[in-house]
């Protein structure tokens, strides 16, 4: 198995290396690619040193079986043909192809078989907030079809990249020293603040991030009429996104029934014991593989409603791990 990572020096690229090692993914040959700025950097993988090559339009991808890309939508669009022209399967972590009809958008626990329909040799990895939400929605939808979803996200600095995480740390340090914090990666100072603004605003008043959750959830769950409304908020947390989710189902689902469904679901861990102050939090979920669900209760404003809290590591399950799990799903099902 010959594997390539594009965007190897970024936060997700580095997470790819860790996840591939943790998952003991079968790799005979590994290639790392990056921008001209990253070219020449060296990283360790399984005790061996690998040097980052500059991504170019050439024959470097000849013989590559799987290419994990996380270098931004523009790079993915520009280099997709170069990466796939010799038959490599491109599993792309950007937003470039997510809504293309001929590119599957895959979360293995939800729609893994979609990964076998790849006319362009491209599979899209969904947005991080969408991934963790649909993993939690699937067991509920299996009990009773979901009609509506309302979600408020509490998104960590990690969602904006490694430089944004560094900026949050620096802001707290500057404030502690009485200095004016530097603001570059966010619309406002994130330290000691929350920002109800992720990505650019659209004409309907929602942000692009919020519309990703609307569109991607429908595509992944094969529910084109599903109503989804999101409010995405950046919070001063380093890593792992949280979501407050309200769903309306065709029939009422009790918290006990939902809790049992979650406990049996693939990729879900239930942490739901409020009397003992046990519920998922980013502090304890960062670096973990599963999606954690808690605060499961009836929605007092909707007879057919259910409310719950979801936390997942944005860089791991929300990006690198999901992409690797797609490849694992394909290899294990061997269709």
C-alpha atoms as a PDB file:
ATOM      1  CA  UNK A   1       0.000   0.000   0.000  1.00  0.00           C
ATOM      2  CA  UNK A   2       1.505   3.282  -1.176  1.00  0.00           C
ATOM      3  CA  UNK A   3       0.065   6.255   0.716  1.00  0.00           C
ATOM      4  CA  UNK A   4       0.503   9.996   0.226  1.00  0.00           C
ATOM      5  CA  UNK A   5      -0.336  12.882   2.556  1.00  0.00           C
ATOM      6  CA  UNK A   6      -0.818  16.294   0.972  1.00  0.00           C
ATOM      7  CA  UNK A   7      -0.561  19.178   3.433  1.00  0.00           C
ATOM      8  CA  UNK A   8       1.705  17.141   5.706  1.00  0.00           C
ATOM      9  CA  UNK A   9       2.988  20.113   7.701  1.00  0.00           C
ATOM     10  CA  UNK A  10      -0.431  21.408   8.749  1.00  0.00           C
ATOM     11  CA  UNK A  11      -2.338  20.515  11.919  1.00  0.00           C
ATOM     12  CA  UNK A  12      -4.452  17.900  10.127  1.00  0.00           C
ATOM     13  CA  UNK A  13      -1.488  16.596   8.139  1.00  0.00           C
ATOM     14  CA  UNK A  14       0.390  15.983  11.366  1.00  0.00           C
ATOM     15  CA  UNK A  15      -2.704  14.317  12.799  1.00  0.00           C
ATOM     16  CA  UNK A  16      -2.795  12.029   9.746  1.00  0.00           C
ATOM     17  CA  UNK A  17       0.673  10.749  10.688  1.00  0.00           C
ATOM     18  CA  UNK A  18      -0.393  10.077  14.281  1.00  0.00           C
ATOM     19  CA  UNK A  19      -3.684   8.427  13.297  1.00  0.00           C
ATOM     20  CA  UNK A  20      -2.134   6.209  10.619  1.00  0.00           C
ATOM     21  CA  UNK A  21       0.359   5.034  13.225  1.00  0.00           C
ATOM     22  CA  UNK A  22      -2.281   4.502  15.940  1.00  0.00           C
ATOM     23  CA  UNK A  23      -4.588   2.641  13.571  1.00  0.00           C
ATOM     24  CA  UNK A  24      -1.704   0.496  12.271  1.00  0.00           C
ATOM     25  CA  UNK A  25      -2.795   1.334   8.756  1.00  0.00           C
ATOM     26  CA  UNK A  26      -1.024  -0.921   6.236  1.00  0.00           C
ATOM     27  CA  UNK A  27       1.633   1.266   4.587  1.00  0.00           C
ATOM     28  CA  UNK A  28       4.517  -0.048   2.524  1.00  0.00           C
ATOM     29  CA  UNK A  29       5.562   3.342   1.180  1.00  0.00           C
ATOM     30  CA  UNK A  30       4.736   6.825   2.461  1.00  0.00           C
ATOM     31  CA  UNK A  31       5.036  10.108   0.562  1.00  0.00           C
ATOM     32  CA  UNK A  32       4.615  13.555   2.125  1.00  0.00           C
ATOM     33  CA  UNK A  33       3.735  16.650   0.112  1.00  0.00           C
ATOM     34  CA  UNK A  34       3.364  20.328   0.913  1.00  0.00           C
ATOM     35  CA  UNK A  35       3.794  23.844  -0.372  1.00  0.00           C
ATOM     36  CA  UNK A  36       7.112  25.335  -1.404  1.00  0.00           C
ATOM     37  CA  UNK A  37       7.376  26.707   2.152  1.00  0.00           C
ATOM     38  CA  UNK A  38       6.985  23.235   3.645  1.00  0.00           C
ATOM     39  CA  UNK A  39       9.190  21.385   1.162  1.00  0.00           C
ATOM     40  CA  UNK A  40      12.292  19.995   2.807  1.00  0.00           C
ATOM     41  CA  UNK A  41      10.806  19.647   6.283  1.00  0.00           C
ATOM     42  CA  UNK A  42      11.305  16.249   7.835  1.00  0.00           C
ATOM     43  CA  UNK A  43       8.924  14.230   9.998  1.00  0.00           C
ATOM     44  CA  UNK A  44       9.223  10.927  11.782  1.00  0.00           C
ATOM     45  CA  UNK A  45       6.830   8.047  11.131  1.00  0.00           C
ATOM     46  CA  UNK A  46       7.305   4.613  12.694  1.00  0.00           C
ATOM     47  CA  UNK A  47      10.926   5.413  13.485  1.00  0.00           C
ATOM     48  CA  UNK A  48      11.770   6.519   9.960  1.00  0.00           C
ATOM     49  CA  UNK A  49      12.366  10.065   8.718  1.00  0.00           C
ATOM     50  CA  UNK A  50      10.385  11.368   5.751  1.00  0.00           C
ATOM     51  CA  UNK A  51      11.026  14.585   3.844  1.00  0.00           C
ATOM     52  CA  UNK A  52       8.209  16.739   2.508  1.00  0.00           C
ATOM     53  CA  UNK A  53       8.200  17.154  -1.267  1.00  0.00           C
ATOM     54  CA  UNK A  54       6.802  20.205  -2.994  1.00  0.00           C
ATOM     55  CA  UNK A  55       3.421  19.449  -4.555  1.00  0.00           C
ATOM     56  CA  UNK A  56       3.742  19.860  -8.316  1.00  0.00           C
ATOM     57  CA  UNK A  57       1.968  18.869 -11.517  1.00  0.00           C
ATOM     58  CA  UNK A  58       4.135  15.873 -12.332  1.00  0.00           C
ATOM     59  CA  UNK A  59       4.161  12.086 -12.028  1.00  0.00           C
ATOM     60  CA  UNK A  60       4.859  11.874  -8.281  1.00  0.00           C
ATOM     61  CA  UNK A  61       1.518  10.124  -7.684  1.00  0.00           C
ATOM     62  CA  UNK A  62       2.229   7.239 -10.037  1.00  0.00           C
ATOM     63  CA  UNK A  63       1.681   4.052  -8.060  1.00  0.00           C
ATOM     64  CA  UNK A  64      -0.019   5.806  -5.121  1.00  0.00           C
ATOM     65  CA  UNK A  65      -3.032   3.871  -3.834  1.00  0.00           C
ATOM     66  CA  UNK A  66      -4.527   6.403  -1.404  1.00  0.00           C
ATOM     67  CA  UNK A  67      -3.856  10.126  -1.112  1.00  0.00           C
ATOM     68  CA  UNK A  68      -5.066  11.958   1.982  1.00  0.00           C
ATOM     69  CA  UNK A  69      -5.343  15.664   1.142  1.00  0.00           C
ATOM     70  CA  UNK A  70      -5.625  18.505   3.631  1.00  0.00           C
ATOM     71  CA  UNK A  71      -4.140  21.578   2.003  1.00  0.00           C
ATOM     72  CA  UNK A  72      -7.220  23.721   1.383  1.00  0.00           C
ATOM     73  CA  UNK A  73      -9.987  23.724  -1.218  1.00  0.00           C
ATOM     74  CA  UNK A  74      -8.007  25.683  -3.788  1.00  0.00           C
ATOM     75  CA  UNK A  75      -5.119  23.230  -3.725  1.00  0.00           C
ATOM     76  CA  UNK A  76      -7.476  20.251  -3.878  1.00  0.00           C
ATOM     77  CA  UNK A  77      -9.236  21.623  -6.946  1.00  0.00           C
ATOM     78  CA  UNK A  78      -5.987  22.517  -8.684  1.00  0.00           C
ATOM     79  CA  UNK A  79      -4.248  19.191  -8.082  1.00  0.00           C
ATOM     80  CA  UNK A  80      -7.147  16.687  -8.113  1.00  0.00           C
ATOM     81  CA  UNK A  81      -6.433  15.524 -11.672  1.00  0.00           C
ATOM     82  CA  UNK A  82      -2.695  15.258 -10.988  1.00  0.00           C
ATOM     83  CA  UNK A  83      -3.306  13.208  -7.840  1.00  0.00           C
ATOM     84  CA  UNK A  84      -5.876  10.828  -9.350  1.00  0.00           C
ATOM     85  CA  UNK A  85      -4.708  10.466 -12.970  1.00  0.00           C
ATOM     86  CA  UNK A  86      -2.828   7.210 -12.300  1.00  0.00           C
ATOM     87  CA  UNK A  87      -5.639   5.685 -10.249  1.00  0.00           C
ATOM     88  CA  UNK A  88      -4.946   6.969  -6.748  1.00  0.00           C
ATOM     89  CA  UNK A  89      -8.011   7.345  -4.534  1.00  0.00           C
ATOM     90  CA  UNK A  90      -8.086  10.911  -3.210  1.00  0.00           C
ATOM     91  CA  UNK A  91      -9.718  11.280   0.202  1.00  0.00           C
ATOM     92  CA  UNK A  92     -10.069  15.027   0.487  1.00  0.00           C
ATOM     93  CA  UNK A  93     -10.444  16.935   3.735  1.00  0.00           C
ATOM     94  CA  UNK A  94     -11.346  20.275   2.141  1.00  0.00           C
ATOM     95  CA  UNK A  95     -14.719  21.683   1.104  1.00  0.00           C
ATOM     96  CA  UNK A  96     -13.779  21.539  -2.603  1.00  0.00           C
ATOM     97  CA  UNK A  97     -15.913  18.579  -3.696  1.00  0.00           C
ATOM     98  CA  UNK A  98     -18.339  17.923  -0.843  1.00  0.00           C
ATOM     99  CA  UNK A  99     -21.490  18.890  -2.668  1.00  0.00           C
ATOM    100  CA  UNK A 100     -20.493  17.565  -6.110  1.00  0.00           C
ATOM    101  CA  UNK A 101     -23.004  14.936  -7.199  1.00  0.00           C
ATOM    102  CA  UNK A 102     -20.288  12.610  -8.508  1.00  0.00           C
ATOM    103  CA  UNK A 103     -18.222  12.740  -5.297  1.00  0.00           C
ATOM    104  CA  UNK A 104     -19.415  10.786  -2.240  1.00  0.00           C
ATOM    105  CA  UNK A 105     -19.407  12.554   1.122  1.00  0.00           C
ATOM    106  CA  UNK A 106     -18.687   9.861   3.678  1.00  0.00           C
ATOM    107  CA  UNK A 107     -18.835   9.193   7.406  1.00  0.00           C
ATOM    108  CA  UNK A 108     -18.222   5.433   7.690  1.00  0.00           C
ATOM    109  CA  UNK A 109     -20.571   4.896  10.653  1.00  0.00           C
ATOM    110  CA  UNK A 110     -23.403   6.521   8.700  1.00  0.00           C
ATOM    111  CA  UNK A 111     -22.998   5.916   4.941  1.00  0.00           C
ATOM    112  CA  UNK A 112     -19.839   3.864   4.478  1.00  0.00           C
ATOM    113  CA  UNK A 113     -21.063   2.096   1.342  1.00  0.00           C
ATOM    114  CA  UNK A 114     -21.157   5.430  -0.501  1.00  0.00           C
ATOM    115  CA  UNK A 115     -17.355   5.162  -0.583  1.00  0.00           C
ATOM    116  CA  UNK A 116     -17.605   2.539  -3.324  1.00  0.00           C
ATOM    117  CA  UNK A 117     -19.164   4.946  -5.820  1.00  0.00           C
ATOM    118  CA  UNK A 118     -16.216   7.092  -6.895  1.00  0.00           C
ATOM    119  CA  UNK A 119     -16.388   7.952 -10.609  1.00  0.00           C
ATOM    120  CA  UNK A 120     -13.719  10.632 -10.171  1.00  0.00           C
ATOM    121  CA  UNK A 121     -11.552   8.651  -7.709  1.00  0.00           C
ATOM    122  CA  UNK A 122     -12.393  11.287  -5.099  1.00  0.00           C
ATOM    123  CA  UNK A 123     -14.110  10.906  -1.731  1.00  0.00           C
ATOM    124  CA  UNK A 124     -14.899  14.011   0.284  1.00  0.00           C
ATOM    125  CA  UNK A 125     -14.422  14.188   4.045  1.00  0.00           C
ATOM    126  CA  UNK A 126     -17.276  16.253   5.556  1.00  0.00           C
ATOM    127  CA  UNK A 127     -16.963  19.354   7.690  1.00  0.00           C
ATOM    128  CA  UNK A 128     -15.839  18.593  11.246  1.00  0.00           C
ATOM    129  CA  UNK A 129     -19.065  19.781  12.890  1.00  0.00           C
ATOM    130  CA  UNK A 130     -21.161  17.747  10.466  1.00  0.00           C
ATOM    131  CA  UNK A 131     -19.165  14.569  11.077  1.00  0.00           C
ATOM    132  CA  UNK A 132     -19.673  14.406  14.807  1.00  0.00           C
ATOM    133  CA  UNK A 133     -23.331  15.413  14.556  1.00  0.00           C
ATOM    134  CA  UNK A 134     -24.332  12.791  11.967  1.00  0.00           C
ATOM    135  CA  UNK A 135     -22.563  10.050  13.941  1.00  0.00           C
ATOM    136  CA  UNK A 136     -24.934  10.941  16.798  1.00  0.00           C
ATOM    137  CA  UNK A 137     -27.984  11.420  14.557  1.00  0.00           C
ATOM    138  CA  UNK A 138     -27.691   7.998  12.896  1.00  0.00           C
ATOM    139  CA  UNK A 139     -28.810   5.828  15.863  1.00  0.00           C
ATOM    140  CA  UNK A 140     -31.778   8.129  16.497  1.00  0.00           C
ATOM    141  CA  UNK A 141     -32.788   8.191  12.826  1.00  0.00           C
ATOM    142  CA  UNK A 142     -32.653   4.387  12.812  1.00  0.00           C
ATOM    143  CA  UNK A 143     -35.335   4.330  15.538  1.00  0.00           C
ATOM    144  CA  UNK A 144     -37.584   7.015  14.086  1.00  0.00           C
ATOM    145  CA  UNK A 145     -36.961   9.221  11.071  1.00  0.00           C
ATOM    146  CA  UNK A 146     -35.675  12.664  12.018  1.00  0.00           C
ATOM    147  CA  UNK A 147     -37.753  15.537  10.642  1.00  0.00           C
ATOM    148  CA  UNK A 148     -35.829  18.535  11.993  1.00  0.00           C
ATOM    149  CA  UNK A 149     -32.467  19.291  13.539  1.00  0.00           C
ATOM    150  CA  UNK A 150     -31.486  22.432  15.405  1.00  0.00           C
ATOM    151  CA  UNK A 151     -27.876  22.680  16.518  1.00  0.00           C
ATOM    152  CA  UNK A 152     -25.703  25.235  18.291  1.00  0.00           C
ATOM    153  CA  UNK A 153     -21.990  24.538  18.005  1.00  0.00           C
ATOM    154  CA  UNK A 154     -19.210  25.532  20.384  1.00  0.00           C
ATOM    155  CA  UNK A 155     -16.143  25.248  18.171  1.00  0.00           C
ATOM    156  CA  UNK A 156     -12.563  25.145  19.381  1.00  0.00           C
ATOM    157  CA  UNK A 157      -9.683  27.198  18.030  1.00  0.00           C
ATOM    158  CA  UNK A 158      -8.349  24.026  16.390  1.00  0.00           C
ATOM    159  CA  UNK A 159     -11.049  24.396  13.737  1.00  0.00           C
ATOM    160  CA  UNK A 160      -9.163  27.392  12.374  1.00  0.00           C
ATOM    161  CA  UNK A 161      -5.809  25.609  12.216  1.00  0.00           C
ATOM    162  CA  UNK A 162      -2.557  25.358  14.152  1.00  0.00           C
ATOM    163  CA  UNK A 163      -1.814  29.094  13.880  1.00  0.00           C
ATOM    164  CA  UNK A 164      -5.210  29.881  15.416  1.00  0.00           C
ATOM    165  CA  UNK A 165      -4.477  27.597  18.363  1.00  0.00           C
ATOM    166  CA  UNK A 166      -1.156  29.393  18.854  1.00  0.00           C
ATOM    167  CA  UNK A 167      -2.953  32.731  18.668  1.00  0.00           C
ATOM    168  CA  UNK A 168      -5.371  31.769  21.445  1.00  0.00           C
ATOM    169  CA  UNK A 169      -2.478  30.783  23.720  1.00  0.00           C
ATOM    170  CA  UNK A 170      -0.648  34.005  22.876  1.00  0.00           C
ATOM    171  CA  UNK A 171      -3.744  36.117  23.566  1.00  0.00           C
ATOM    172  CA  UNK A 172      -4.090  34.732  27.093  1.00  0.00           C
ATOM    173  CA  UNK A 173      -0.372  35.310  27.692  1.00  0.00           C
ATOM    174  CA  UNK A 174      -0.540  38.888  26.359  1.00  0.00           C
ATOM    175  CA  UNK A 175      -3.574  39.723  28.483  1.00  0.00           C
ATOM    176  CA  UNK A 176      -1.924  38.276  31.591  1.00  0.00           C
ATOM    177  CA  UNK A 177       1.050  40.569  30.979  1.00  0.00           C
ATOM    178  CA  UNK A 178      -1.139  43.606  30.430  1.00  0.00           C
ATOM    179  CA  UNK A 179      -0.456  43.710  26.686  1.00  0.00           C
ATOM    180  CA  UNK A 180      -2.935  44.236  23.862  1.00  0.00           C
ATOM    181  CA  UNK A 181      -3.612  40.779  22.350  1.00  0.00           C
ATOM    182  CA  UNK A 182      -2.858  40.235  18.683  1.00  0.00           C
ATOM    183  CA  UNK A 183      -5.923  39.353  16.563  1.00  0.00           C
ATOM    184  CA  UNK A 184      -5.236  37.818  13.163  1.00  0.00           C
ATOM    185  CA  UNK A 185      -7.013  34.473  12.783  1.00  0.00           C
ATOM    186  CA  UNK A 186     -10.411  35.441  14.183  1.00  0.00           C
ATOM    187  CA  UNK A 187     -12.802  38.321  13.671  1.00  0.00           C
ATOM    188  CA  UNK A 188     -12.228  39.412  17.283  1.00  0.00           C
ATOM    189  CA  UNK A 189     -10.166  38.476  20.318  1.00  0.00           C
ATOM    190  CA  UNK A 190     -11.098  34.896  21.209  1.00  0.00           C
ATOM    191  CA  UNK A 191      -9.527  34.770  24.670  1.00  0.00           C
ATOM    192  CA  UNK A 192     -12.197  35.434  27.334  1.00  0.00           C
ATOM    193  CA  UNK A 193     -14.775  35.715  24.546  1.00  0.00           C
ATOM    194  CA  UNK A 194     -17.111  33.772  22.246  1.00  0.00           C
ATOM    195  CA  UNK A 195     -17.615  34.754  18.603  1.00  0.00           C
ATOM    196  CA  UNK A 196     -20.922  33.869  16.851  1.00  0.00           C
ATOM    197  CA  UNK A 197     -19.238  33.967  13.464  1.00  0.00           C
ATOM    198  CA  UNK A 198     -17.410  31.124  11.678  1.00  0.00           C
ATOM    199  CA  UNK A 199     -16.660  31.510   7.955  1.00  0.00           C
ATOM    200  CA  UNK A 200     -18.290  34.131   5.731  1.00  0.00           C
ATOM    201  CA  UNK A 201     -21.891  35.295   5.981  1.00  0.00           C
ATOM    202  CA  UNK A 202     -24.316  34.298   3.234  1.00  0.00           C
ATOM    203  CA  UNK A 203     -27.274  36.259   1.838  1.00  0.00           C
ATOM    204  CA  UNK A 204     -29.718  34.362   4.072  1.00  0.00           C
ATOM    205  CA  UNK A 205     -27.943  35.542   7.244  1.00  0.00           C
ATOM    206  CA  UNK A 206     -26.322  32.177   7.932  1.00  0.00           C
ATOM    207  CA  UNK A 207     -22.575  31.649   7.666  1.00  0.00           C
ATOM    208  CA  UNK A 208     -20.945  29.291   5.194  1.00  0.00           C
ATOM    209  CA  UNK A 209     -20.087  27.000   8.137  1.00  0.00           C
ATOM    210  CA  UNK A 210     -23.743  26.833   9.135  1.00  0.00           C
ATOM    211  CA  UNK A 211     -24.840  26.106   5.576  1.00  0.00           C
ATOM    212  CA  UNK A 212     -22.258  23.314   5.375  1.00  0.00           C
ATOM    213  CA  UNK A 213     -24.081  21.599   8.234  1.00  0.00           C
ATOM    214  CA  UNK A 214     -27.410  22.118   6.443  1.00  0.00           C
ATOM    215  CA  UNK A 215     -26.292  20.746   3.077  1.00  0.00           C
ATOM    216  CA  UNK A 216     -23.832  18.068   4.162  1.00  0.00           C
ATOM    217  CA  UNK A 217     -26.159  16.461   6.713  1.00  0.00           C
ATOM    218  CA  UNK A 218     -28.820  16.004   4.048  1.00  0.00           C
ATOM    219  CA  UNK A 219     -26.355  14.436   1.614  1.00  0.00           C
ATOM    220  CA  UNK A 220     -24.697  12.068   4.093  1.00  0.00           C
ATOM    221  CA  UNK A 221     -27.984  10.855   5.559  1.00  0.00           C
ATOM    222  CA  UNK A 222     -29.679  10.579   2.138  1.00  0.00           C
ATOM    223  CA  UNK A 223     -32.474  12.828   3.436  1.00  0.00           C
ATOM    224  CA  UNK A 224     -32.877  15.691   0.923  1.00  0.00           C
ATOM    225  CA  UNK A 225     -35.917  17.092   2.769  1.00  0.00           C
ATOM    226  CA  UNK A 226     -34.386  17.047   6.258  1.00  0.00           C
ATOM    227  CA  UNK A 227     -34.634  20.461   7.935  1.00  0.00           C
ATOM    228  CA  UNK A 228     -31.374  21.559   9.577  1.00  0.00           C
ATOM    229  CA  UNK A 229     -30.725  24.899  11.245  1.00  0.00           C
ATOM    230  CA  UNK A 230     -27.325  25.680  12.772  1.00  0.00           C
ATOM    231  CA  UNK A 231     -25.732  28.453  14.827  1.00  0.00           C
ATOM    232  CA  UNK A 232     -21.938  28.077  14.794  1.00  0.00           C
ATOM    233  CA  UNK A 233     -19.926  29.775  17.529  1.00  0.00           C
ATOM    234  CA  UNK A 234     -16.181  29.933  18.153  1.00  0.00           C
ATOM    235  CA  UNK A 235     -15.240  29.444  21.817  1.00  0.00           C
ATOM    236  CA  UNK A 236     -11.886  29.806  23.636  1.00  0.00           C
ATOM    237  CA  UNK A 237     -11.190  26.076  23.758  1.00  0.00           C
ATOM    238  CA  UNK A 238      -8.022  24.638  22.261  1.00  0.00           C
ATOM    239  CA  UNK A 239      -9.306  21.396  20.780  1.00  0.00           C
ATOM    240  CA  UNK A 240     -12.572  19.398  20.427  1.00  0.00           C
ATOM    241  CA  UNK A 241     -15.900  20.843  19.285  1.00  0.00           C
ATOM    242  CA  UNK A 242     -19.127  20.677  21.277  1.00  0.00           C
ATOM    243  CA  UNK A 243     -22.698  20.773  19.991  1.00  0.00           C
ATOM    244  CA  UNK A 244     -26.098  21.218  21.604  1.00  0.00           C
ATOM    245  CA  UNK A 245     -28.527  19.295  19.396  1.00  0.00           C
ATOM    246  CA  UNK A 246     -32.325  19.271  19.272  1.00  0.00           C
ATOM    247  CA  UNK A 247     -34.073  16.779  17.008  1.00  0.00           C
ATOM    248  CA  UNK A 248     -37.719  16.250  16.115  1.00  0.00           C
ATOM    249  CA  UNK A 249     -38.599  12.677  15.147  1.00  0.00           C
ATOM    250  CA  UNK A 250     -41.690  11.161  13.542  1.00  0.00           C
ATOM    251  CA  UNK A 251     -42.660   9.558  16.833  1.00  0.00           C
ATOM    252  CA  UNK A 252     -41.647  10.432  20.390  1.00  0.00           C
ATOM    253  CA  UNK A 253     -38.430   8.810  21.593  1.00  0.00           C
ATOM    254  CA  UNK A 254     -37.818   8.513  25.315  1.00  0.00           C
ATOM    255  CA  UNK A 255     -34.421   9.442  26.757  1.00  0.00           C
ATOM    256  CA  UNK A 256     -34.032   5.809  27.851  1.00  0.00           C
ATOM    257  CA  UNK A 257     -34.634   4.537  24.322  1.00  0.00           C
ATOM    258  CA  UNK A 258     -32.234   7.119  22.905  1.00  0.00           C
ATOM    259  CA  UNK A 259     -29.592   6.287  25.510  1.00  0.00           C
ATOM    260  CA  UNK A 260     -29.767   2.608  24.617  1.00  0.00           C
ATOM    261  CA  UNK A 261     -29.483   3.380  20.893  1.00  0.00           C
ATOM    262  CA  UNK A 262     -26.477   5.620  21.465  1.00  0.00           C
ATOM    263  CA  UNK A 263     -24.789   2.988  23.656  1.00  0.00           C
ATOM    264  CA  UNK A 264     -25.037   0.414  20.849  1.00  0.00           C
ATOM    265  CA  UNK A 265     -23.983   2.774  18.043  1.00  0.00           C
ATOM    266  CA  UNK A 266     -20.660   2.457  16.276  1.00  0.00           C
ATOM    267  CA  UNK A 267     -18.266   5.270  17.146  1.00  0.00           C
ATOM    268  CA  UNK A 268     -20.375   6.674  20.000  1.00  0.00           C
ATOM    269  CA  UNK A 269     -19.608   6.724  23.735  1.00  0.00           C
ATOM    270  CA  UNK A 270     -22.343   7.703  26.182  1.00  0.00           C
ATOM    271  CA  UNK A 271     -21.312   9.827  29.166  1.00  0.00           C
ATOM    272  CA  UNK A 272     -24.626  10.758  30.748  1.00  0.00           C
ATOM    273  CA  UNK A 273     -24.914  10.797  34.523  1.00  0.00           C
ATOM    274  CA  UNK A 274     -25.837  14.355  35.512  1.00  0.00           C
ATOM    275  CA  UNK A 275     -26.329  13.483  39.199  1.00  0.00           C
ATOM    276  CA  UNK A 276     -22.620  12.672  39.343  1.00  0.00           C
ATOM    277  CA  UNK A 277     -21.704  15.618  37.088  1.00  0.00           C
ATOM    278  CA  UNK A 278     -20.739  13.254  34.299  1.00  0.00           C
ATOM    279  CA  UNK A 279     -21.124  14.607  30.760  1.00  0.00           C
ATOM    280  CA  UNK A 280     -18.808  15.053  27.765  1.00  0.00           C
ATOM    281  CA  UNK A 281     -16.432  18.023  27.772  1.00  0.00           C
ATOM    282  CA  UNK A 282     -13.641  19.110  25.411  1.00  0.00           C
ATOM    283  CA  UNK A 283     -11.163  18.957  28.280  1.00  0.00           C
ATOM    284  CA  UNK A 284     -11.503  15.178  28.406  1.00  0.00           C
ATOM    285  CA  UNK A 285     -12.448  14.395  24.788  1.00  0.00           C
ATOM    286  CA  UNK A 286      -9.457  16.068  23.105  1.00  0.00           C
ATOM    287  CA  UNK A 287      -7.273  13.400  21.518  1.00  0.00           C
ATOM    288  CA  UNK A 288      -9.976  10.711  21.688  1.00  0.00           C
ATOM    289  CA  UNK A 289     -11.381   8.797  18.697  1.00  0.00           C
ATOM    290  CA  UNK A 290     -15.137   8.439  19.383  1.00  0.00           C
ATOM    291  CA  UNK A 291     -17.967  10.928  19.457  1.00  0.00           C
ATOM    292  CA  UNK A 292     -19.231  11.430  23.014  1.00  0.00           C
ATOM    293  CA  UNK A 293     -22.908  12.010  23.819  1.00  0.00           C
ATOM    294  CA  UNK A 294     -24.555  13.132  27.055  1.00  0.00           C
ATOM    295  CA  UNK A 295     -27.276  15.361  28.589  1.00  0.00           C
ATOM    296  CA  UNK A 296     -29.881  13.172  26.826  1.00  0.00           C
ATOM    297  CA  UNK A 297     -33.378  14.444  27.634  1.00  0.00           C
ATOM    298  CA  UNK A 298     -36.803  15.264  26.245  1.00  0.00           C
ATOM    299  CA  UNK A 299     -37.245  18.593  24.503  1.00  0.00           C
ATOM    300  CA  UNK A 300     -39.799  20.441  26.639  1.00  0.00           C
ATOM    301  CA  UNK A 301     -40.777  22.613  23.659  1.00  0.00           C
ATOM    302  CA  UNK A 302     -41.599  19.730  21.300  1.00  0.00           C
ATOM    303  CA  UNK A 303     -43.669  16.610  21.987  1.00  0.00           C
ATOM    304  CA  UNK A 304     -41.601  14.635  19.454  1.00  0.00           C
ATOM    305  CA  UNK A 305     -38.367  16.336  20.435  1.00  0.00           C
ATOM    306  CA  UNK A 306     -35.148  15.094  21.982  1.00  0.00           C
ATOM    307  CA  UNK A 307     -32.141  17.092  23.131  1.00  0.00           C
ATOM    308  CA  UNK A 308     -28.562  15.973  23.693  1.00  0.00           C
ATOM    309  CA  UNK A 309     -24.965  17.200  23.906  1.00  0.00           C
ATOM    310  CA  UNK A 310     -22.225  15.988  21.536  1.00  0.00           C
ATOM    311  CA  UNK A 311     -18.453  16.440  21.828  1.00  0.00           C
ATOM    312  CA  UNK A 312     -15.785  15.252  19.408  1.00  0.00           C
ATOM    313  CA  UNK A 313     -12.151  16.000  18.646  1.00  0.00           C
ATOM    314  CA  UNK A 314     -12.215  18.266  15.613  1.00  0.00           C
ATOM    315  CA  UNK A 315      -8.755  17.387  14.345  1.00  0.00           C
ATOM    316  CA  UNK A 316      -9.165  13.676  14.978  1.00  0.00           C
ATOM    317  CA  UNK A 317     -12.671  12.363  14.269  1.00  0.00           C
ATOM    318  CA  UNK A 318     -13.579  15.665  12.630  1.00  0.00           C
ATOM    319  CA  UNK A 319     -10.777  15.367  10.091  1.00  0.00           C
ATOM    320  CA  UNK A 320      -7.871  12.899   9.975  1.00  0.00           C
ATOM    321  CA  UNK A 321      -9.455   9.907  11.715  1.00  0.00           C
ATOM    322  CA  UNK A 322     -12.638  10.016   9.640  1.00  0.00           C
ATOM    323  CA  UNK A 323     -10.573  10.077   6.440  1.00  0.00           C
ATOM    324  CA  UNK A 324      -8.481   7.117   7.576  1.00  0.00           C
ATOM    325  CA  UNK A 325     -11.635   5.265   8.644  1.00  0.00           C
ATOM    326  CA  UNK A 326     -13.007   5.745   5.120  1.00  0.00           C
ATOM    327  CA  UNK A 327      -9.928   3.997   3.740  1.00  0.00           C
ATOM    328  CA  UNK A 328     -10.227   1.282   6.390  1.00  0.00           C
ATOM    329  CA  UNK A 329     -13.877   0.756   5.519  1.00  0.00           C
ATOM    330  CA  UNK A 330     -13.003   0.276   1.854  1.00  0.00           C
ATOM    331  CA  UNK A 331     -10.188  -2.174   2.634  1.00  0.00           C
ATOM    332  CA  UNK A 332     -12.178  -4.186   5.186  1.00  0.00           C
ATOM    333  CA  UNK A 333     -15.290  -4.526   3.017  1.00  0.00           C
ATOM    334  CA  UNK A 334     -13.205  -5.329  -0.065  1.00  0.00           C
ATOM    335  CA  UNK A 335     -15.933  -4.685  -2.629  1.00  0.00           C
END
